[in-house]
């Protein structure tokens, strides 16, 4: 069911992962999948274009409400109130606009390593960012969170599952985060965009299923974009579970609601009809995770991710700092994510996107290994 186009065809793509690299480079950076679209999604997009249906999107459609709530129930064990869904163009835009409502000019925190736009785009939006470094084992540092909350942190952005480590936060840890934030009347914005990509061996707990405290002061943002490779179509959803939280979402500016019609149509179809394709994707990603563990070059270590198609690789054993990604680009013609983009202290790290077929992943690993023996 899953098909990866040839390398020549992939290099014709104009998306960020494949554009802009020198000739001969394999892209393994940005969180995009190489697989062809799920057939139902491709079909509905072709049909939409065939009838020239490219106008403005309207509010949350009944089909979107039904499709998303059904998907959340059967895939994530999450009972969502269909009346508490709101559309935003993408998760990041929703996060920034919600922070403007909740903490204008205030302190916004998140765990590091973290999604690079958190580091890059929150300060220009007027916020003081507070980084909460993960513990050595990848767990959330609750002690540091308490310090930041006492010092005036108003909003915590919680990536769950975490990007770039791929860790799935256990319920007990989520409950403690919720209790701490409730104690200081701080809000949690849960970025759950990778939730459909939990791999075998881990169990995802939706933020709004954690506790009453999480529901009262929490808003979840998610999308079909990562699991179904639809980022370019601009459609995400906010989910609330309390009147207080829904009142916050109602205060979002009009610009935050400007989603793409193709994104809405594709997301509806992904949530309603994409399960077989997503099941096949998870099987392939699990196999890819095993392949990396077997063929990772000597001197590189990692903790296999529990979710996502992203590997957070530690190159400390190779003495390639401050730019191991630059080394592998020059010597191996493999484009990896630069560790310091995710964490100022991550100079010995790279992020590997393994959302591709086993043949291309094997080629990436072979190139990395060969570059180290020259």
Protein backbone atom coordinates (compact mmCIF):
# COMPACT_ATOMS: atom_id res chain seq x y z
CA UNK A 1 0.00 0.00 0.00
CA UNK A 2 2.90 2.38 0.70
CA UNK A 3 4.93 3.54 -2.27
CA UNK A 4 8.05 5.68 -2.30
CA UNK A 5 8.78 7.41 -5.60
CA UNK A 6 12.22 7.06 -7.14
CA UNK A 7 14.99 9.33 -5.95
CA UNK A 8 14.78 11.25 -9.23
CA UNK A 9 11.08 11.92 -8.67
CA UNK A 10 11.62 12.88 -5.03
CA UNK A 11 14.20 15.43 -6.12
CA UNK A 12 11.54 17.05 -8.33
CA UNK A 13 9.46 17.88 -5.27
CA UNK A 14 9.40 21.57 -4.38
CA UNK A 15 8.74 21.12 -0.66
CA UNK A 16 11.32 22.14 1.91
CA UNK A 17 12.74 18.67 2.54
CA UNK A 18 13.79 18.10 -1.08
CA UNK A 19 14.38 21.55 -2.51
CA UNK A 20 17.55 23.59 -2.22
CA UNK A 21 20.07 20.78 -1.75
CA UNK A 22 23.14 20.35 -3.97
CA UNK A 23 23.00 17.63 -6.67
CA UNK A 24 23.21 14.10 -5.35
CA UNK A 25 22.09 14.91 -1.79
CA UNK A 26 19.44 12.79 -0.03
CA UNK A 27 17.11 14.91 2.09
CA UNK A 28 16.42 13.63 5.62
CA UNK A 29 15.69 16.87 7.41
CA UNK A 30 12.23 18.42 7.57
CA UNK A 31 9.36 16.31 8.94
CA UNK A 32 7.82 15.32 5.62
CA UNK A 33 7.06 11.80 4.48
CA UNK A 34 8.42 10.43 1.20
CA UNK A 35 5.49 8.06 0.65
CA UNK A 36 2.84 8.76 -1.96
CA UNK A 37 -0.41 10.13 -0.58
CA UNK A 38 -3.04 7.80 0.82
CA UNK A 39 -5.27 6.90 -2.16
CA UNK A 40 -8.51 8.32 -0.70
CA UNK A 41 -6.78 11.65 -0.06
CA UNK A 42 -5.26 11.80 -3.54
CA UNK A 43 -8.64 10.97 -5.07
CA UNK A 44 -10.59 13.62 -3.18
CA UNK A 45 -8.00 16.29 -4.00
CA UNK A 46 -8.12 15.39 -7.70
CA UNK A 47 -11.92 15.53 -7.62
CA UNK A 48 -11.87 18.91 -5.87
CA UNK A 49 -9.54 20.41 -8.46
CA UNK A 50 -11.54 18.86 -11.30
CA UNK A 51 -14.61 20.85 -10.22
CA UNK A 52 -12.49 24.01 -9.65
CA UNK A 53 -13.48 24.05 -5.99
CA UNK A 54 -10.65 26.25 -4.71
CA UNK A 55 -12.49 29.02 -2.91
CA UNK A 56 -12.47 29.99 0.73
CA UNK A 57 -13.00 27.44 3.47
CA UNK A 58 -15.96 27.88 5.76
CA UNK A 59 -16.16 27.07 9.47
CA UNK A 60 -15.71 23.57 10.89
CA UNK A 61 -17.88 21.37 8.70
CA UNK A 62 -20.16 18.68 10.09
CA UNK A 63 -18.06 16.12 8.22
CA UNK A 64 -14.88 17.41 9.86
CA UNK A 65 -16.48 17.20 13.29
CA UNK A 66 -17.59 13.64 12.64
CA UNK A 67 -14.34 12.56 11.01
CA UNK A 68 -12.03 13.99 13.66
CA UNK A 69 -14.03 12.85 16.68
CA UNK A 70 -14.27 9.35 15.21
CA UNK A 71 -10.55 9.25 14.51
CA UNK A 72 -9.71 10.50 18.03
CA UNK A 73 -11.97 7.89 19.60
CA UNK A 74 -10.79 4.82 17.71
CA UNK A 75 -7.10 5.75 17.23
CA UNK A 76 -6.27 7.76 20.36
CA UNK A 77 -8.80 6.64 22.98
CA UNK A 78 -10.04 10.22 23.24
CA UNK A 79 -13.67 11.31 23.53
CA UNK A 80 -13.87 14.75 21.91
CA UNK A 81 -16.87 17.07 22.11
CA UNK A 82 -17.56 17.89 18.43
CA UNK A 83 -18.77 21.36 19.43
CA UNK A 84 -15.36 22.23 20.90
CA UNK A 85 -13.38 22.09 17.64
CA UNK A 86 -12.03 25.18 15.90
CA UNK A 87 -9.97 25.41 12.71
CA UNK A 88 -6.63 27.20 12.46
CA UNK A 89 -4.24 27.22 9.48
CA UNK A 90 -1.53 25.23 11.25
CA UNK A 91 -0.51 24.21 14.75
CA UNK A 92 2.28 26.80 15.04
CA UNK A 93 0.02 29.70 14.04
CA UNK A 94 -2.58 28.50 16.51
CA UNK A 95 0.02 28.29 19.28
CA UNK A 96 1.34 31.80 18.66
CA UNK A 97 -2.13 33.35 18.47
CA UNK A 98 -3.28 31.54 21.62
CA UNK A 99 -0.18 32.78 23.44
CA UNK A 100 -1.09 36.32 22.37
CA UNK A 101 -4.50 35.87 23.96
CA UNK A 102 -3.24 34.20 27.14
CA UNK A 103 0.07 35.95 27.81
CA UNK A 104 0.60 39.05 25.65
CA UNK A 105 4.23 40.02 26.06
CA UNK A 106 4.63 37.40 28.78
CA UNK A 107 6.67 34.27 29.44
CA UNK A 108 6.13 31.15 27.36
CA UNK A 109 8.01 27.93 28.12
CA UNK A 110 8.72 24.64 26.39
CA UNK A 111 11.09 21.70 26.74
CA UNK A 112 14.41 21.72 24.93
CA UNK A 113 15.48 20.16 22.70
CA UNK A 114 12.41 21.55 20.98
CA UNK A 115 10.78 22.32 17.65
CA UNK A 116 13.01 25.03 16.05
CA UNK A 117 10.18 27.52 15.30
CA UNK A 118 9.45 27.68 19.04
CA UNK A 119 12.96 29.10 19.47
CA UNK A 120 12.87 31.19 16.30
CA UNK A 121 9.35 32.60 16.08
CA UNK A 122 8.10 33.12 19.62
CA UNK A 123 10.56 35.94 20.49
CA UNK A 124 9.67 38.08 17.43
CA UNK A 125 6.01 37.60 18.38
CA UNK A 126 6.76 39.46 21.62
CA UNK A 127 7.21 36.64 24.13
CA UNK A 128 10.01 35.90 26.56
CA UNK A 129 10.83 32.24 26.04
CA UNK A 130 11.82 30.02 28.93
CA UNK A 131 13.61 26.83 27.96
CA UNK A 132 13.11 23.80 30.18
CA UNK A 133 15.94 21.37 29.34
CA UNK A 134 14.91 17.74 29.33
CA UNK A 135 16.58 15.40 31.79
CA UNK A 136 19.32 13.08 30.58
CA UNK A 137 16.79 10.27 30.16
CA UNK A 138 14.53 12.53 28.06
CA UNK A 139 11.91 13.03 30.76
CA UNK A 140 10.37 16.39 31.58
CA UNK A 141 12.16 18.32 34.34
CA UNK A 142 9.34 19.00 36.79
CA UNK A 143 11.64 20.78 39.22
CA UNK A 144 12.71 23.27 36.57
CA UNK A 145 9.08 23.73 35.51
CA UNK A 146 8.17 24.62 39.11
CA UNK A 147 10.94 27.24 39.20
CA UNK A 148 9.74 28.80 35.96
CA UNK A 149 6.12 28.83 37.13
CA UNK A 150 7.12 30.60 40.36
CA UNK A 151 8.98 33.12 38.21
CA UNK A 152 5.89 34.01 36.21
CA UNK A 153 5.61 31.49 33.38
CA UNK A 154 2.11 31.92 31.98
CA UNK A 155 1.95 29.34 29.17
CA UNK A 156 3.63 25.97 28.73
CA UNK A 157 3.76 24.58 25.19
CA UNK A 158 3.85 20.81 25.61
CA UNK A 159 4.91 18.77 22.57
CA UNK A 160 3.36 15.36 23.17
CA UNK A 161 4.70 13.10 21.68
CA UNK A 162 7.90 15.07 21.90
CA UNK A 163 9.76 16.44 18.91
CA UNK A 164 12.65 15.77 18.29
CA UNK A 165 13.17 12.90 20.77
CA UNK A 166 10.02 10.96 19.86
CA UNK A 167 9.32 10.25 23.53
CA UNK A 168 5.73 9.54 24.59
CA UNK A 169 5.06 11.15 27.96
CA UNK A 170 3.53 8.69 30.46
CA UNK A 171 0.30 9.51 32.26
CA UNK A 172 1.96 10.02 35.66
CA UNK A 173 4.30 12.65 34.22
CA UNK A 174 1.44 14.40 32.45
CA UNK A 175 -0.60 14.43 35.66
CA UNK A 176 2.25 16.09 37.54
CA UNK A 177 2.63 18.73 34.84
CA UNK A 178 -1.11 19.43 35.00
CA UNK A 179 -1.08 19.74 38.79
CA UNK A 180 1.89 22.10 38.79
CA UNK A 181 0.43 24.36 36.12
CA UNK A 182 -2.94 24.44 37.87
CA UNK A 183 -1.22 25.43 41.12
CA UNK A 184 0.11 28.57 39.43
CA UNK A 185 -2.91 29.13 37.16
CA UNK A 186 -0.77 28.64 34.07
CA UNK A 187 -2.09 27.33 30.76
CA UNK A 188 -0.91 24.33 28.80
CA UNK A 189 -1.07 24.32 25.01
CA UNK A 190 -0.62 20.70 23.97
CA UNK A 191 0.96 20.24 20.55
CA UNK A 192 -0.22 16.71 19.70
CA UNK A 193 0.50 16.80 15.99
CA UNK A 194 2.53 13.56 16.19
CA UNK A 195 -0.07 11.65 18.26
CA UNK A 196 -1.26 9.42 15.37
CA UNK A 197 2.35 8.24 14.94
CA UNK A 198 2.85 6.37 18.21
CA UNK A 199 4.79 3.18 17.47
CA UNK A 200 4.37 -0.31 18.97
CA UNK A 201 5.40 -0.51 22.60
CA UNK A 202 4.13 2.92 23.69
CA UNK A 203 0.74 4.27 24.74
CA UNK A 204 -0.30 7.84 24.05
CA UNK A 205 -2.39 9.77 26.58
CA UNK A 206 -4.23 12.83 25.17
CA UNK A 207 -3.70 15.93 27.30
CA UNK A 208 -7.42 16.57 27.68
CA UNK A 209 -7.88 13.04 29.06
CA UNK A 210 -5.27 13.49 31.80
CA UNK A 211 -7.25 15.21 34.58
CA UNK A 212 -9.80 17.90 35.40
CA UNK A 213 -6.91 20.35 35.82
CA UNK A 214 -5.66 19.57 32.31
CA UNK A 215 -9.11 20.09 30.84
CA UNK A 216 -9.75 23.35 32.69
CA UNK A 217 -6.53 25.11 31.65
CA UNK A 218 -5.57 23.17 28.54
CA UNK A 219 -6.03 23.51 24.80
CA UNK A 220 -4.88 20.85 22.34
CA UNK A 221 -3.74 21.58 18.80
CA UNK A 222 -3.34 18.88 16.20
CA UNK A 223 -3.53 18.19 12.48
CA UNK A 224 -3.45 15.48 9.84
CA UNK A 225 -0.34 17.11 8.40
CA UNK A 226 2.41 14.97 9.95
CA UNK A 227 0.73 11.57 9.82
CA UNK A 228 -0.63 12.00 6.29
CA UNK A 229 1.95 14.45 4.83
CA UNK A 230 -0.46 17.36 4.28
CA UNK A 231 1.48 20.28 5.74
CA UNK A 232 1.27 22.35 2.57
CA UNK A 233 -2.54 22.40 2.67
CA UNK A 234 -2.88 24.46 5.86
CA UNK A 235 -5.50 22.98 8.14
CA UNK A 236 -5.25 22.23 11.86
CA UNK A 237 -7.71 22.05 14.74
CA UNK A 238 -7.86 23.29 18.29
CA UNK A 239 -9.69 21.12 20.80
CA UNK A 240 -11.02 22.22 24.18
CA UNK A 241 -12.83 20.49 27.02
CA UNK A 242 -13.99 23.34 29.27
CA UNK A 243 -15.97 26.54 28.93
CA UNK A 244 -12.97 28.51 30.15
CA UNK A 245 -10.73 27.11 27.44
CA UNK A 246 -13.36 27.51 24.73
CA UNK A 247 -13.72 31.17 25.69
CA UNK A 248 -9.99 31.61 25.02
CA UNK A 249 -10.32 30.06 21.56
CA UNK A 250 -13.25 32.36 20.75
CA UNK A 251 -10.89 35.30 21.26
CA UNK A 252 -8.57 34.22 18.47
CA UNK A 253 -8.30 36.86 15.72
CA UNK A 254 -10.01 36.31 12.39
CA UNK A 255 -6.65 35.77 10.65
CA UNK A 256 -6.04 32.64 12.72
CA UNK A 257 -9.13 31.03 11.19
CA UNK A 258 -8.04 31.35 7.57
CA UNK A 259 -7.49 27.72 6.66
CA UNK A 260 -7.17 26.26 3.17
CA UNK A 261 -10.18 24.55 1.65
CA UNK A 262 -8.01 21.78 0.21
CA UNK A 263 -6.60 21.26 3.70
CA UNK A 264 -10.07 20.88 5.18
CA UNK A 265 -11.16 18.42 2.50
CA UNK A 266 -7.93 16.40 2.77
CA UNK A 267 -8.08 16.31 6.58
CA UNK A 268 -11.70 15.17 6.60
CA UNK A 269 -10.77 12.32 4.27
CA UNK A 270 -7.62 11.40 6.21
CA UNK A 271 -9.49 11.17 9.50
CA UNK A 272 -12.46 9.31 8.01
CA UNK A 273 -10.81 6.98 5.48
CA UNK A 274 -7.07 6.94 6.14
CA UNK A 275 -6.78 4.16 8.73
CA UNK A 276 -5.52 1.39 6.40
CA UNK A 277 -2.80 3.65 4.98
CA UNK A 278 -1.83 4.87 8.45
CA UNK A 279 -1.65 1.29 9.74
CA UNK A 280 0.76 0.41 6.93
CA UNK A 281 2.80 3.53 7.68
CA UNK A 282 3.22 2.57 11.34
CA UNK A 283 4.36 -0.93 10.37
CA UNK A 284 6.97 0.57 8.04
CA UNK A 285 8.17 3.13 10.58
CA UNK A 286 8.55 0.40 13.20
CA UNK A 287 10.63 -1.63 10.74
CA UNK A 288 12.69 1.46 9.91
CA UNK A 289 13.31 2.05 13.61
CA UNK A 290 14.69 -1.48 13.86
CA UNK A 291 16.83 -0.97 10.76
CA UNK A 292 18.41 2.14 12.23
CA UNK A 293 19.23 0.30 15.44
CA UNK A 294 20.97 -2.41 13.43
CA UNK A 295 22.92 -0.16 11.06
CA UNK A 296 23.57 3.08 12.90
CA UNK A 297 27.23 4.01 12.37
CA UNK A 298 29.68 3.31 15.19
CA UNK A 299 30.11 6.35 17.39
CA UNK A 300 26.48 7.47 17.05
CA UNK A 301 23.97 6.61 19.76
CA UNK A 302 20.25 7.17 20.15
CA UNK A 303 17.21 6.31 22.21
CA UNK A 304 14.79 4.72 19.71
CA UNK A 305 11.75 6.99 19.46
CA UNK A 306 8.43 5.79 20.80
CA UNK A 307 6.59 7.88 18.21
CA UNK A 308 7.14 9.91 15.05
CA UNK A 309 9.55 9.23 12.19
CA UNK A 310 12.33 11.33 13.69
CA UNK A 311 15.58 10.07 15.20
CA UNK A 312 17.48 12.33 17.62
CA UNK A 313 21.02 11.09 17.09
CA UNK A 314 23.94 11.75 19.44
CA UNK A 315 27.23 12.11 17.54
CA UNK A 316 29.35 12.91 20.61
CA UNK A 317 31.45 9.80 20.01
CA UNK A 318 32.63 11.12 16.64
CA UNK A 319 34.09 14.49 17.61
CA UNK A 320 32.22 16.29 14.82
CA UNK A 321 30.98 19.29 16.85
CA UNK A 322 29.99 22.01 16.34
CA UNK A 323 28.32 20.86 13.10
CA UNK A 324 27.92 17.12 12.55
CA UNK A 325 25.05 17.81 10.14
CA UNK A 326 27.42 19.88 8.02
CA UNK A 327 29.95 17.04 8.03
CA UNK A 328 27.43 14.46 6.78
CA UNK A 329 26.18 16.90 4.13
CA UNK A 330 29.70 17.52 2.82
CA UNK A 331 31.14 14.03 3.14
CA UNK A 332 28.11 11.79 2.75
CA UNK A 333 25.68 13.90 0.74
CA UNK A 334 22.99 13.36 3.37
CA UNK A 335 21.03 16.37 4.65
CA UNK A 336 20.20 15.98 8.35
CA UNK A 337 18.67 18.39 10.84
CA UNK A 338 21.23 20.53 12.68
CA UNK A 339 21.11 19.79 16.40
CA UNK A 340 21.67 23.35 17.58
CA UNK A 341 18.50 24.41 15.73
CA UNK A 342 16.55 22.31 18.24
CA UNK A 343 18.65 23.07 21.29
CA UNK A 344 21.45 25.64 21.69
CA UNK A 345 23.28 22.95 23.65
CA UNK A 346 22.72 20.31 20.95
CA UNK A 347 25.86 20.91 18.92
CA UNK A 348 26.69 17.18 18.89
CA UNK A 349 23.23 16.12 17.71
CA UNK A 350 21.50 15.65 14.39
CA UNK A 351 17.88 14.83 13.60
CA UNK A 352 17.22 12.07 11.08
CA UNK A 353 13.90 11.85 9.25
CA UNK A 354 13.29 8.13 8.64
CA UNK A 355 9.85 8.57 7.08
CA UNK A 356 10.90 6.85 3.87
CA UNK A 357 11.24 3.38 2.36
CA UNK A 358 13.79 0.87 3.66
CA UNK A 359 15.94 1.08 0.54
CA UNK A 360 16.42 4.82 0.76
CA UNK A 361 16.90 4.67 4.53
CA UNK A 362 19.55 2.00 4.03
CA UNK A 363 21.30 4.26 1.52
CA UNK A 364 21.26 7.12 4.03
CA UNK A 365 22.82 4.95 6.73
CA UNK A 366 25.40 3.56 4.30
CA UNK A 367 26.40 7.05 3.24
CA UNK A 368 26.76 8.17 6.85
CA UNK A 369 28.94 5.13 7.63
CA UNK A 370 31.09 5.55 4.51
CA UNK A 371 31.70 9.22 5.23
CA UNK A 372 33.27 8.29 8.57
CA UNK A 373 35.90 5.91 7.15
CA UNK A 374 37.43 8.27 4.60
